Amino acid sequence: MEHIKLFCENTIGSSEEPLVVQGPIPPERLKKMTLHPQLDAFRRPNEQHEALVEIAELPEGRIVAATSGDIVVGYVTFHYPDEYERWSEGKMDDLVELGAIEVANDYRGRGISKKLLEIAFRGGQLDNVIVFTTEYYWHWDLESTKLSVWDYRKMMEDLMKNVDMVWFATDDPEICSHPANCLMVRVGKKVPQESVEAFDRLRFRQRFMY
């Protein structure tokens, strides 16, 4: 299938330090950037930088980033689900995972996450796919934000609702292992009904729940 990548950018922030939110960023351009040292939620910044470049090189992969000069201070990733996850079992070419969204501590509270998502979905470039994200409380930065698990959950839901991602039920064991975990989904308006039904079969393995 065609993975539409429509490059968009916006400048936000102050005149003293304008930030450019841009993407999907081509891998050759991303290679010339560096990650802010606080972007270490998943692995060390230099290792995460390599991982982002690899995602950008994938046909379906896309990286949208907020940059200060050539320094990435926030990013969001999109790619096919990992082959070991249940979401890959249907081998759907129109099911894409919003894998990670991360903003450096010093840049939080500026609306960067919201703008990253807005740029990612701008122009209907993801209207032909189902985008999902799995929210697990053990990935959340509760320590730095000082939020309770429920307040963080609400913050993430409110963030995803800005691009019409909504809560979907599932019997996935990891998601069901804690009530704060959740599955958020956006079904693009150009997604065929057979893909919606295939995704429903992935969401529920227990037929009595389907």
N, C-alpha and C. Protein backbone atom coordinates (compact mmCIF):
# COMPACT_ATOMS: atom_id res chain seq x y z
N MET A 1 0.84 -1.19 0.00
CA MET A 1 0.00 0.00 0.00
C MET A 1 0.88 1.25 0.00
N GLU A 2 0.27 2.37 -0.30
CA GLU A 2 1.00 3.63 -0.33
C GLU A 2 1.03 4.25 1.06
N HIS A 3 2.22 4.54 1.55
CA HIS A 3 2.38 5.25 2.81
C HIS A 3 2.68 6.71 2.48
N ILE A 4 1.69 7.55 2.65
CA ILE A 4 1.81 8.96 2.28
C ILE A 4 2.64 9.70 3.32
N LYS A 5 3.68 10.36 2.86
CA LYS A 5 4.52 11.15 3.75
C LYS A 5 4.57 12.59 3.23
N LEU A 6 3.79 13.42 3.87
CA LEU A 6 3.67 14.82 3.48
C LEU A 6 4.44 15.66 4.48
N PHE A 7 5.61 16.15 4.07
CA PHE A 7 6.44 16.92 5.00
C PHE A 7 5.77 18.24 5.36
N CYS A 8 5.69 18.49 6.66
CA CYS A 8 5.09 19.74 7.16
C CYS A 8 5.99 20.27 8.28
N GLU A 9 5.91 21.57 8.52
CA GLU A 9 6.64 22.14 9.65
C GLU A 9 5.97 23.40 10.15
N ASN A 10 6.17 23.67 11.43
CA ASN A 10 5.69 24.87 12.09
C ASN A 10 6.75 25.34 13.07
N THR A 11 6.87 26.63 13.23
CA THR A 11 7.76 27.20 14.23
C THR A 11 6.94 27.62 15.43
N ILE A 12 7.35 27.17 16.59
CA ILE A 12 6.67 27.53 17.83
C ILE A 12 7.71 28.03 18.83
N GLY A 13 7.25 28.49 19.97
CA GLY A 13 8.17 28.93 21.01
C GLY A 13 8.46 30.41 20.94
N SER A 14 9.47 30.83 21.67
CA SER A 14 9.81 32.24 21.77
C SER A 14 10.81 32.65 20.70
N SER A 15 10.96 33.97 20.54
CA SER A 15 11.94 34.47 19.56
C SER A 15 13.36 34.18 20.03
N GLU A 16 13.54 34.04 21.36
CA GLU A 16 14.87 33.72 21.89
C GLU A 16 15.29 32.30 21.52
N GLU A 17 14.32 31.38 21.53
CA GLU A 17 14.62 30.00 21.15
C GLU A 17 13.43 29.41 20.38
N PRO A 18 13.35 29.73 19.11
CA PRO A 18 12.26 29.13 18.32
C PRO A 18 12.50 27.64 18.12
N LEU A 19 11.42 26.89 18.15
CA LEU A 19 11.49 25.45 17.90
C LEU A 19 10.76 25.14 16.62
N VAL A 20 11.36 24.30 15.80
CA VAL A 20 10.74 23.88 14.55
C VAL A 20 10.19 22.47 14.75
N VAL A 21 8.87 22.33 14.59
CA VAL A 21 8.24 21.01 14.65
C VAL A 21 8.05 20.56 13.21
N GLN A 22 8.66 19.44 12.85
CA GLN A 22 8.74 19.06 11.43
C GLN A 22 8.67 17.56 11.24
N GLY A 23 8.19 17.17 10.07
CA GLY A 23 8.17 15.75 9.75
C GLY A 23 7.12 15.42 8.71
N PRO A 24 7.13 14.17 8.23
CA PRO A 24 8.11 13.14 8.56
C PRO A 24 9.51 13.51 8.06
N ILE A 25 10.51 13.33 8.90
CA ILE A 25 11.87 13.74 8.56
C ILE A 25 12.57 12.62 7.79
N PRO A 26 13.15 12.92 6.63
CA PRO A 26 13.89 11.90 5.87
C PRO A 26 15.09 11.41 6.69
N PRO A 27 15.45 10.14 6.56
CA PRO A 27 16.55 9.59 7.36
C PRO A 27 17.87 10.33 7.16
N GLU A 28 18.15 10.75 5.93
CA GLU A 28 19.43 11.43 5.68
C GLU A 28 19.51 12.77 6.42
N ARG A 29 18.38 13.40 6.61
CA ARG A 29 18.34 14.65 7.37
C ARG A 29 18.43 14.38 8.87
N LEU A 30 17.74 13.33 9.29
CA LEU A 30 17.73 12.97 10.71
C LEU A 30 19.12 12.57 11.19
N LYS A 31 19.91 11.95 10.31
CA LYS A 31 21.25 11.52 10.67
C LYS A 31 22.14 12.69 11.09
N LYS A 32 21.87 13.87 10.55
CA LYS A 32 22.69 15.05 10.84
C LYS A 32 22.30 15.75 12.13
N MET A 33 21.23 15.28 12.76
CA MET A 33 20.76 15.86 14.01
C MET A 33 21.30 15.07 15.19
N THR A 34 21.18 15.62 16.38
CA THR A 34 21.53 14.92 17.60
C THR A 34 20.36 15.02 18.58
N LEU A 35 20.26 14.07 19.48
CA LEU A 35 19.18 14.07 20.46
C LEU A 35 19.61 14.80 21.74
N HIS A 36 18.67 15.53 22.30
CA HIS A 36 18.90 16.21 23.57
C HIS A 36 19.26 15.15 24.62
N PRO A 37 20.20 15.42 25.49
CA PRO A 37 20.64 14.41 26.48
C PRO A 37 19.54 13.93 27.43
N GLN A 38 18.45 14.71 27.56
CA GLN A 38 17.36 14.28 28.43
C GLN A 38 16.40 13.30 27.77
N LEU A 39 16.59 13.04 26.50
CA LEU A 39 15.73 12.08 25.80
C LEU A 39 16.28 10.67 26.01
N ASP A 40 16.06 10.16 27.21
CA ASP A 40 16.65 8.88 27.60
C ASP A 40 15.63 7.93 28.21
N ALA A 41 14.36 8.12 27.89
CA ALA A 41 13.32 7.29 28.50
C ALA A 41 13.40 5.83 28.04
N PHE A 42 13.89 5.59 26.83
CA PHE A 42 13.89 4.24 26.26
C PHE A 42 15.29 3.64 26.16
N ARG A 43 16.26 4.45 25.87
CA ARG A 43 17.66 4.02 25.82
C ARG A 43 18.52 5.27 25.80
N ARG A 44 19.82 5.11 25.81
CA ARG A 44 20.72 6.27 25.80
C ARG A 44 20.48 7.09 24.53
N PRO A 45 20.59 8.43 24.62
CA PRO A 45 20.22 9.28 23.47
C PRO A 45 20.89 8.91 22.15
N ASN A 46 22.19 8.57 22.18
CA ASN A 46 22.85 8.23 20.92
C ASN A 46 22.29 6.94 20.33
N GLU A 47 21.92 6.00 21.20
CA GLU A 47 21.33 4.75 20.73
C GLU A 47 19.91 4.98 20.22
N GLN A 48 19.18 5.84 20.92
CA GLN A 48 17.83 6.16 20.47
C GLN A 48 17.86 6.90 19.14
N HIS A 49 18.87 7.75 18.96
CA HIS A 49 19.02 8.45 17.68
C HIS A 49 19.18 7.45 16.54
N GLU A 50 19.99 6.42 16.75
CA GLU A 50 20.16 5.39 15.73
C GLU A 50 18.85 4.67 15.45
N ALA A 51 18.08 4.40 16.51
CA ALA A 51 16.80 3.73 16.34
C ALA A 51 15.82 4.60 15.55
N LEU A 52 15.83 5.91 15.79
CA LEU A 52 14.93 6.81 15.06
C LEU A 52 15.29 6.85 13.58
N VAL A 53 16.57 6.85 13.28
CA VAL A 53 16.99 6.84 11.88
C VAL A 53 16.52 5.55 11.20
N GLU A 54 16.65 4.43 11.89
CA GLU A 54 16.19 3.15 11.33
C GLU A 54 14.69 3.18 11.06
N ILE A 55 13.92 3.77 11.96
CA ILE A 55 12.47 3.88 11.74
C ILE A 55 12.18 4.75 10.54
N ALA A 56 12.89 5.87 10.42
CA ALA A 56 12.67 6.80 9.30
C ALA A 56 12.97 6.14 7.96
N GLU A 57 13.83 5.12 7.96
CA GLU A 57 14.20 4.44 6.72
C GLU A 57 13.15 3.42 6.29
N LEU A 58 12.23 3.05 7.17
CA LEU A 58 11.20 2.07 6.84
C LEU A 58 10.16 2.67 5.91
N PRO A 59 9.60 1.87 5.00
CA PRO A 59 8.57 2.40 4.09
C PRO A 59 7.39 3.02 4.84
N GLU A 60 6.98 2.39 5.94
CA GLU A 60 5.84 2.89 6.71
C GLU A 60 6.28 3.78 7.86
N GLY A 61 7.58 3.81 8.16
CA GLY A 61 8.07 4.53 9.33
C GLY A 61 8.06 6.03 9.13
N ARG A 62 7.83 6.73 10.22
CA ARG A 62 7.90 8.19 10.16
C ARG A 62 8.29 8.73 11.54
N ILE A 63 9.12 9.77 11.50
CA ILE A 63 9.56 10.48 12.69
C ILE A 63 9.17 11.94 12.52
N VAL A 64 8.44 12.46 13.49
CA VAL A 64 8.15 13.88 13.56
C VAL A 64 8.87 14.40 14.79
N ALA A 65 9.61 15.50 14.65
CA ALA A 65 10.46 15.96 15.75
C ALA A 65 10.34 17.46 15.96
N ALA A 66 10.57 17.88 17.19
CA ALA A 66 10.73 19.29 17.54
C ALA A 66 12.22 19.53 17.69
N THR A 67 12.73 20.53 17.00
CA THR A 67 14.17 20.76 16.99
C THR A 67 14.51 22.20 17.37
N SER A 68 15.60 22.32 18.08
CA SER A 68 16.21 23.63 18.36
C SER A 68 17.55 23.62 17.65
N GLY A 69 17.60 24.27 16.50
CA GLY A 69 18.77 24.11 15.64
C GLY A 69 18.80 22.68 15.14
N ASP A 70 19.90 21.99 15.37
CA ASP A 70 20.02 20.59 14.97
C ASP A 70 19.85 19.64 16.15
N ILE A 71 19.31 20.15 17.26
CA ILE A 71 19.10 19.32 18.44
C ILE A 71 17.63 18.92 18.51
N VAL A 72 17.37 17.62 18.54
CA VAL A 72 16.00 17.11 18.70
C VAL A 72 15.64 17.19 20.18
N VAL A 73 14.56 17.93 20.49
CA VAL A 73 14.14 18.07 21.89
C VAL A 73 12.84 17.32 22.16
N GLY A 74 12.24 16.77 21.12
CA GLY A 74 11.03 15.97 21.27
C GLY A 74 10.73 15.26 19.97
N TYR A 75 10.06 14.12 20.06
CA TYR A 75 9.77 13.37 18.84
C TYR A 75 8.59 12.44 19.07
N VAL A 76 8.01 11.99 17.96
CA VAL A 76 7.00 10.93 17.98
C VAL A 76 7.33 9.97 16.84
N THR A 77 7.11 8.68 17.08
CA THR A 77 7.45 7.66 16.09
C THR A 77 6.20 6.91 15.62
N PHE A 78 6.23 6.49 14.36
CA PHE A 78 5.17 5.66 13.78
C PHE A 78 5.85 4.53 12.99
N HIS A 79 5.35 3.31 13.16
CA HIS A 79 5.92 2.17 12.46
C HIS A 79 4.97 0.98 12.60
N TYR A 80 5.23 -0.07 11.88
CA TYR A 80 4.44 -1.29 12.05
C TYR A 80 4.70 -1.88 13.44
N PRO A 81 3.70 -2.56 14.01
CA PRO A 81 3.90 -3.18 15.32
C PRO A 81 5.00 -4.24 15.28
N ASP A 82 5.64 -4.43 16.43
CA ASP A 82 6.70 -5.42 16.56
C ASP A 82 6.16 -6.80 16.21
N GLU A 83 6.98 -7.60 15.57
CA GLU A 83 6.54 -8.93 15.11
C GLU A 83 6.16 -9.86 16.25
N TYR A 84 6.61 -9.55 17.47
CA TYR A 84 6.29 -10.40 18.62
C TYR A 84 5.02 -9.96 19.34
N GLU A 85 4.41 -8.86 18.90
CA GLU A 85 3.18 -8.38 19.53
C GLU A 85 1.96 -8.96 18.82
N ARG A 86 0.85 -9.07 19.53
CA ARG A 86 -0.37 -9.59 18.91
C ARG A 86 -0.83 -8.73 17.75
N TRP A 87 -0.49 -7.43 17.78
CA TRP A 87 -0.99 -6.50 16.77
C TRP A 87 -0.38 -6.76 15.39
N SER A 88 0.68 -7.56 15.33
CA SER A 88 1.29 -7.89 14.04
C SER A 88 0.74 -9.19 13.46
N GLU A 89 -0.05 -9.92 14.26
CA GLU A 89 -0.47 -11.25 13.83
C GLU A 89 -1.40 -11.23 12.62
N GLY A 90 -2.15 -10.15 12.45
CA GLY A 90 -3.04 -10.06 11.30
C GLY A 90 -2.33 -9.68 10.01
N LYS A 91 -1.02 -9.35 10.12
CA LYS A 91 -0.22 -8.96 8.96
C LYS A 91 -0.94 -7.88 8.14
N MET A 92 -1.48 -6.90 8.85
CA MET A 92 -2.21 -5.81 8.20
C MET A 92 -1.24 -4.73 7.74
N ASP A 93 -1.30 -4.39 6.44
CA ASP A 93 -0.41 -3.34 5.95
C ASP A 93 -0.97 -1.95 6.21
N ASP A 94 -2.20 -1.87 6.73
CA ASP A 94 -2.76 -0.56 7.05
C ASP A 94 -3.02 -0.40 8.56
N LEU A 95 -2.20 -1.08 9.37
CA LEU A 95 -2.24 -0.92 10.82
C LEU A 95 -0.86 -0.44 11.27
N VAL A 96 -0.81 0.78 11.79
CA VAL A 96 0.45 1.43 12.16
C VAL A 96 0.42 1.81 13.63
N GLU A 97 1.52 1.58 14.30
CA GLU A 97 1.62 1.88 15.73
C GLU A 97 2.28 3.23 15.97
N LEU A 98 1.64 4.06 16.80
CA LEU A 98 2.30 5.23 17.35
C LEU A 98 3.14 4.68 18.50
N GLY A 99 4.43 4.53 18.25
CA GLY A 99 5.25 3.76 19.16
C GLY A 99 5.75 4.51 20.37
N ALA A 100 6.14 5.77 20.21
CA ALA A 100 6.69 6.52 21.32
C ALA A 100 6.49 8.01 21.08
N ILE A 101 6.30 8.72 22.18
CA ILE A 101 6.31 10.18 22.13
C ILE A 101 7.09 10.63 23.36
N GLU A 102 8.09 11.48 23.15
CA GLU A 102 8.98 11.87 24.24
C GLU A 102 9.42 13.32 24.03
N VAL A 103 9.43 14.08 25.12
CA VAL A 103 9.88 15.48 25.10
C VAL A 103 10.88 15.65 26.24
N ALA A 104 12.00 16.32 25.96
CA ALA A 104 13.02 16.57 26.98
C ALA A 104 12.40 17.36 28.14
N ASN A 105 12.81 17.04 29.35
CA ASN A 105 12.24 17.66 30.55
C ASN A 105 12.23 19.18 30.48
N ASP A 106 13.32 19.78 30.03
CA ASP A 106 13.44 21.24 30.00
C ASP A 106 12.46 21.89 29.03
N TYR A 107 11.85 21.11 28.15
CA TYR A 107 10.97 21.67 27.13
C TYR A 107 9.51 21.28 27.33
N ARG A 108 9.21 20.65 28.44
CA ARG A 108 7.83 20.24 28.68
C ARG A 108 6.97 21.45 29.08
N GLY A 109 5.67 21.30 28.89
CA GLY A 109 4.75 22.38 29.24
C GLY A 109 4.63 23.45 28.17
N ARG A 110 5.16 23.21 26.99
CA ARG A 110 5.11 24.19 25.90
C ARG A 110 4.18 23.76 24.76
N GLY A 111 3.44 22.68 24.97
CA GLY A 111 2.53 22.21 23.92
C GLY A 111 3.22 21.48 22.79
N ILE A 112 4.44 20.99 23.04
CA ILE A 112 5.21 20.33 21.98
C ILE A 112 4.57 19.01 21.56
N SER A 113 4.15 18.21 22.53
CA SER A 113 3.55 16.91 22.20
C SER A 113 2.32 17.08 21.32
N LYS A 114 1.49 18.03 21.67
CA LYS A 114 0.27 18.30 20.88
C LYS A 114 0.63 18.69 19.46
N LYS A 115 1.64 19.54 19.30
CA LYS A 115 2.04 19.99 17.96
C LYS A 115 2.70 18.85 17.17
N LEU A 116 3.46 17.98 17.85
CA LEU A 116 4.06 16.84 17.15
C LEU A 116 2.98 15.98 16.51
N LEU A 117 1.93 15.70 17.26
CA LEU A 117 0.84 14.87 16.73
C LEU A 117 0.09 15.59 15.62
N GLU A 118 -0.14 16.87 15.80
CA GLU A 118 -0.89 17.63 14.79
C GLU A 118 -0.14 17.62 13.45
N ILE A 119 1.17 17.78 13.51
CA ILE A 119 1.98 17.74 12.28
C ILE A 119 1.95 16.34 11.68
N ALA A 120 2.00 15.31 12.53
CA ALA A 120 2.04 13.93 12.04
C ALA A 120 0.79 13.57 11.25
N PHE A 121 -0.36 14.09 11.67
CA PHE A 121 -1.62 13.75 11.02
C PHE A 121 -2.07 14.78 9.99
N ARG A 122 -1.32 15.86 9.85
CA ARG A 122 -1.74 16.96 8.99
C ARG A 122 -1.89 16.52 7.54
N GLY A 123 -2.88 17.09 6.89
CA GLY A 123 -3.07 16.84 5.46
C GLY A 123 -3.68 15.49 5.14
N GLY A 124 -4.19 14.79 6.14
CA GLY A 124 -4.82 13.50 5.89
C GLY A 124 -3.86 12.40 5.52
N GLN A 125 -2.56 12.58 5.84
CA GLN A 125 -1.57 11.60 5.39
C GLN A 125 -1.69 10.25 6.09
N LEU A 126 -2.45 10.18 7.19
CA LEU A 126 -2.66 8.91 7.87
C LEU A 126 -4.12 8.47 7.80
N ASP A 127 -4.85 9.02 6.86
CA ASP A 127 -6.28 8.68 6.75
C ASP A 127 -6.52 7.30 6.16
N ASN A 128 -5.50 6.70 5.54
CA ASN A 128 -5.69 5.38 4.94
C ASN A 128 -5.18 4.25 5.82
N VAL A 129 -4.90 4.56 7.10
CA VAL A 129 -4.43 3.54 8.04
C VAL A 129 -5.16 3.65 9.38
N ILE A 130 -5.11 2.55 10.13
CA ILE A 130 -5.53 2.56 11.52
C ILE A 130 -4.28 2.82 12.34
N VAL A 131 -4.31 3.88 13.14
CA VAL A 131 -3.18 4.19 14.03
C VAL A 131 -3.59 3.82 15.45
N PHE A 132 -2.73 3.07 16.14
CA PHE A 132 -3.03 2.71 17.52
C PHE A 132 -1.80 2.97 18.39
N THR A 133 -2.04 3.15 19.67
CA THR A 133 -0.96 3.23 20.63
C THR A 133 -1.36 2.50 21.89
N THR A 134 -0.42 1.79 22.49
CA THR A 134 -0.67 1.08 23.75
C THR A 134 -0.04 1.89 24.87
N GLU A 135 -0.86 2.32 25.81
CA GLU A 135 -0.38 3.12 26.93
C GLU A 135 -0.22 2.24 28.16
N TYR A 136 1.03 2.12 28.64
CA TYR A 136 1.33 1.33 29.83
C TYR A 136 1.86 2.25 30.92
N TYR A 137 1.29 2.14 32.11
CA TYR A 137 1.65 3.07 33.17
C TYR A 137 3.13 2.98 33.54
N TRP A 138 3.77 1.82 33.33
CA TRP A 138 5.17 1.68 33.71
C TRP A 138 6.12 2.42 32.76
N HIS A 139 5.59 2.93 31.66
CA HIS A 139 6.40 3.75 30.75
C HIS A 139 6.29 5.24 31.08
N TRP A 140 5.36 5.60 31.95
CA TRP A 140 5.08 7.02 32.20
C TRP A 140 6.08 7.62 33.19
N ASP A 141 6.40 8.88 32.97
CA ASP A 141 7.36 9.58 33.82
C ASP A 141 6.63 10.21 35.01
N LEU A 142 6.19 9.36 35.92
CA LEU A 142 5.44 9.83 37.09
C LEU A 142 6.35 10.61 38.04
N GLU A 143 7.61 10.26 38.09
CA GLU A 143 8.53 10.90 39.02
C GLU A 143 8.75 12.37 38.68
N SER A 144 9.06 12.66 37.39
CA SER A 144 9.34 14.04 37.00
C SER A 144 8.09 14.90 36.98
N THR A 145 6.98 14.32 36.54
CA THR A 145 5.75 15.11 36.42
C THR A 145 5.03 15.29 37.75
N LYS A 146 5.31 14.40 38.72
CA LYS A 146 4.64 14.42 40.02
C LYS A 146 3.13 14.15 39.90
N LEU A 147 2.73 13.52 38.81
CA LEU A 147 1.33 13.20 38.60
C LEU A 147 1.02 11.81 39.16
N SER A 148 -0.22 11.63 39.58
CA SER A 148 -0.66 10.29 39.93
C SER A 148 -0.84 9.49 38.64
N VAL A 149 -0.93 8.18 38.77
CA VAL A 149 -1.09 7.34 37.59
C VAL A 149 -2.38 7.68 36.85
N TRP A 150 -3.43 8.08 37.59
CA TRP A 150 -4.70 8.39 36.95
C TRP A 150 -4.67 9.75 36.28
N ASP A 151 -3.97 10.71 36.89
CA ASP A 151 -3.83 12.03 36.25
C ASP A 151 -2.99 11.93 34.99
N TYR A 152 -1.96 11.07 35.03
CA TYR A 152 -1.12 10.88 33.84
C TYR A 152 -1.93 10.21 32.74
N ARG A 153 -2.72 9.23 33.12
CA ARG A 153 -3.59 8.55 32.14
C ARG A 153 -4.52 9.56 31.48
N LYS A 154 -5.14 10.46 32.27
CA LYS A 154 -6.04 11.46 31.70
C LYS A 154 -5.29 12.40 30.78
N MET A 155 -4.06 12.78 31.17
CA MET A 155 -3.25 13.66 30.34
C MET A 155 -2.98 13.01 28.98
N MET A 156 -2.64 11.71 28.98
CA MET A 156 -2.36 11.02 27.73
C MET A 156 -3.62 10.88 26.88
N GLU A 157 -4.74 10.58 27.51
CA GLU A 157 -5.99 10.48 26.76
C GLU A 157 -6.35 11.81 26.12
N ASP A 158 -6.22 12.90 26.89
CA ASP A 158 -6.54 14.23 26.37
C ASP A 158 -5.61 14.60 25.22
N LEU A 159 -4.34 14.21 25.33
CA LEU A 159 -3.38 14.49 24.27
C LEU A 159 -3.77 13.77 22.99
N MET A 160 -4.07 12.47 23.10
CA MET A 160 -4.41 11.69 21.92
C MET A 160 -5.74 12.11 21.29
N LYS A 161 -6.64 12.62 22.10
CA LYS A 161 -7.94 13.07 21.57
C LYS A 161 -7.79 14.27 20.63
N ASN A 162 -6.66 14.98 20.74
CA ASN A 162 -6.43 16.12 19.84
C ASN A 162 -6.33 15.69 18.39
N VAL A 163 -5.98 14.43 18.16
CA VAL A 163 -5.91 13.91 16.78
C VAL A 163 -6.94 12.78 16.60
N ASP A 164 -8.00 12.84 17.38
CA ASP A 164 -9.14 11.92 17.25
C ASP A 164 -8.81 10.47 17.57
N MET A 165 -7.79 10.25 18.40
CA MET A 165 -7.54 8.90 18.90
C MET A 165 -8.38 8.72 20.16
N VAL A 166 -9.08 7.60 20.23
CA VAL A 166 -10.00 7.36 21.34
C VAL A 166 -9.74 5.98 21.95
N TRP A 167 -10.26 5.80 23.17
CA TRP A 167 -10.10 4.55 23.89
C TRP A 167 -10.87 3.42 23.19
N PHE A 168 -10.21 2.27 23.01
CA PHE A 168 -10.83 1.06 22.46
C PHE A 168 -10.65 -0.07 23.47
N ALA A 169 -11.66 -0.90 23.61
CA ALA A 169 -11.58 -2.06 24.49
C ALA A 169 -10.73 -3.16 23.85
N THR A 170 -10.13 -3.99 24.70
CA THR A 170 -9.34 -5.12 24.23
C THR A 170 -9.19 -6.14 25.36
N ASP A 171 -8.90 -7.38 25.01
CA ASP A 171 -8.60 -8.37 26.04
C ASP A 171 -7.10 -8.69 26.08
N ASP A 172 -6.28 -7.81 25.51
CA ASP A 172 -4.83 -8.00 25.53
C ASP A 172 -4.34 -8.09 26.98
N PRO A 173 -3.64 -9.16 27.35
CA PRO A 173 -3.25 -9.38 28.75
C PRO A 173 -2.42 -8.25 29.35
N GLU A 174 -1.47 -7.70 28.58
CA GLU A 174 -0.63 -6.63 29.12
C GLU A 174 -1.46 -5.39 29.43
N ILE A 175 -2.35 -5.04 28.53
CA ILE A 175 -3.19 -3.87 28.77
C ILE A 175 -4.13 -4.13 29.93
N CYS A 176 -4.67 -5.32 30.00
CA CYS A 176 -5.62 -5.66 31.06
C CYS A 176 -4.94 -5.88 32.41
N SER A 177 -3.61 -5.90 32.45
CA SER A 177 -2.91 -6.19 33.70
C SER A 177 -3.00 -5.06 34.71
N HIS A 178 -3.37 -3.85 34.26
CA HIS A 178 -3.55 -2.72 35.18
C HIS A 178 -4.63 -1.81 34.61
N PRO A 179 -5.55 -1.35 35.44
CA PRO A 179 -6.67 -0.55 34.92
C PRO A 179 -6.27 0.80 34.34
N ALA A 180 -5.06 1.28 34.61
CA ALA A 180 -4.62 2.55 34.02
C ALA A 180 -4.12 2.37 32.60
N ASN A 181 -3.72 1.15 32.24
CA ASN A 181 -3.27 0.90 30.87
C ASN A 181 -4.44 1.04 29.91
N CYS A 182 -4.14 1.40 28.68
CA CYS A 182 -5.25 1.53 27.72
C CYS A 182 -4.75 1.43 26.28
N LEU A 183 -5.69 1.17 25.40
CA LEU A 183 -5.46 1.13 23.96
C LEU A 183 -6.17 2.33 23.35
N MET A 184 -5.41 3.17 22.64
CA MET A 184 -5.99 4.34 21.97
C MET A 184 -5.87 4.13 20.46
N VAL A 185 -6.92 4.47 19.72
CA VAL A 185 -6.98 4.13 18.30
C VAL A 185 -7.60 5.28 17.50
N ARG A 186 -7.10 5.46 16.29
CA ARG A 186 -7.73 6.34 15.30
C ARG A 186 -7.90 5.55 14.02
N VAL A 187 -9.14 5.38 13.59
CA VAL A 187 -9.43 4.70 12.33
C VAL A 187 -9.56 5.76 11.26
N GLY A 188 -8.63 5.77 10.32
CA GLY A 188 -8.66 6.76 9.25
C GLY A 188 -9.92 6.64 8.41
N LYS A 189 -10.38 7.76 7.89
CA LYS A 189 -11.65 7.77 7.16
C LYS A 189 -11.59 7.03 5.84
N LYS A 190 -10.40 6.68 5.38
CA LYS A 190 -10.27 5.95 4.12
C LYS A 190 -9.97 4.46 4.34
N VAL A 191 -10.03 4.02 5.60
CA VAL A 191 -9.75 2.62 5.92
C VAL A 191 -10.97 1.77 5.56
N PRO A 192 -10.79 0.68 4.80
CA PRO A 192 -11.93 -0.17 4.43
C PRO A 192 -12.48 -0.94 5.62
N GLN A 193 -13.75 -1.31 5.52
CA GLN A 193 -14.43 -2.01 6.61
C GLN A 193 -13.76 -3.33 6.94
N GLU A 194 -13.23 -4.03 5.94
CA GLU A 194 -12.59 -5.32 6.21
C GLU A 194 -11.36 -5.16 7.11
N SER A 195 -10.68 -4.01 7.01
CA SER A 195 -9.54 -3.76 7.89
C SER A 195 -10.00 -3.47 9.31
N VAL A 196 -11.11 -2.75 9.44
CA VAL A 196 -11.67 -2.49 10.77
C VAL A 196 -12.04 -3.82 11.44
N GLU A 197 -12.64 -4.72 10.68
CA GLU A 197 -13.03 -6.02 11.24
C GLU A 197 -11.81 -6.87 11.58
N ALA A 198 -10.78 -6.79 10.76
CA ALA A 198 -9.55 -7.52 11.05
C ALA A 198 -8.90 -7.01 12.34
N PHE A 199 -8.95 -5.70 12.54
CA PHE A 199 -8.39 -5.12 13.76
C PHE A 199 -9.21 -5.55 14.98
N ASP A 200 -10.52 -5.62 14.82
CA ASP A 200 -11.38 -6.08 15.91
C ASP A 200 -11.01 -7.49 16.33
N ARG A 201 -10.66 -8.33 15.37
CA ARG A 201 -10.28 -9.70 15.70
C ARG A 201 -8.95 -9.74 16.46
N LEU A 202 -8.08 -8.76 16.19
CA LEU A 202 -6.83 -8.67 16.94
C LEU A 202 -7.08 -8.16 18.35
N ARG A 203 -8.03 -7.27 18.50
CA ARG A 203 -8.31 -6.69 19.82
C ARG A 203 -8.85 -7.74 20.78
N PHE A 204 -9.63 -8.68 20.24
CA PHE A 204 -10.27 -9.68 21.09
C PHE A 204 -9.95 -11.09 20.62
N ARG A 205 -9.26 -11.84 21.45
CA ARG A 205 -9.01 -13.24 21.14
C ARG A 205 -10.10 -14.13 21.73
N GLN A 206 -10.73 -13.67 22.81
CA GLN A 206 -11.81 -14.44 23.43
C GLN A 206 -13.11 -14.08 22.72
N ARG A 207 -13.66 -15.03 22.00
CA ARG A 207 -14.82 -14.75 21.17
C ARG A 207 -16.00 -14.20 21.95
N PHE A 208 -16.14 -14.64 23.20
CA PHE A 208 -17.29 -14.20 23.96
C PHE A 208 -17.22 -12.71 24.27
N MET A 209 -16.03 -12.12 24.13
CA MET A 209 -15.87 -10.68 24.37
C MET A 209 -16.01 -9.89 23.08
N TYR A 210 -16.03 -10.56 21.97
CA TYR A 210 -16.03 -9.88 20.67
C TYR A 210 -17.43 -9.53 20.22
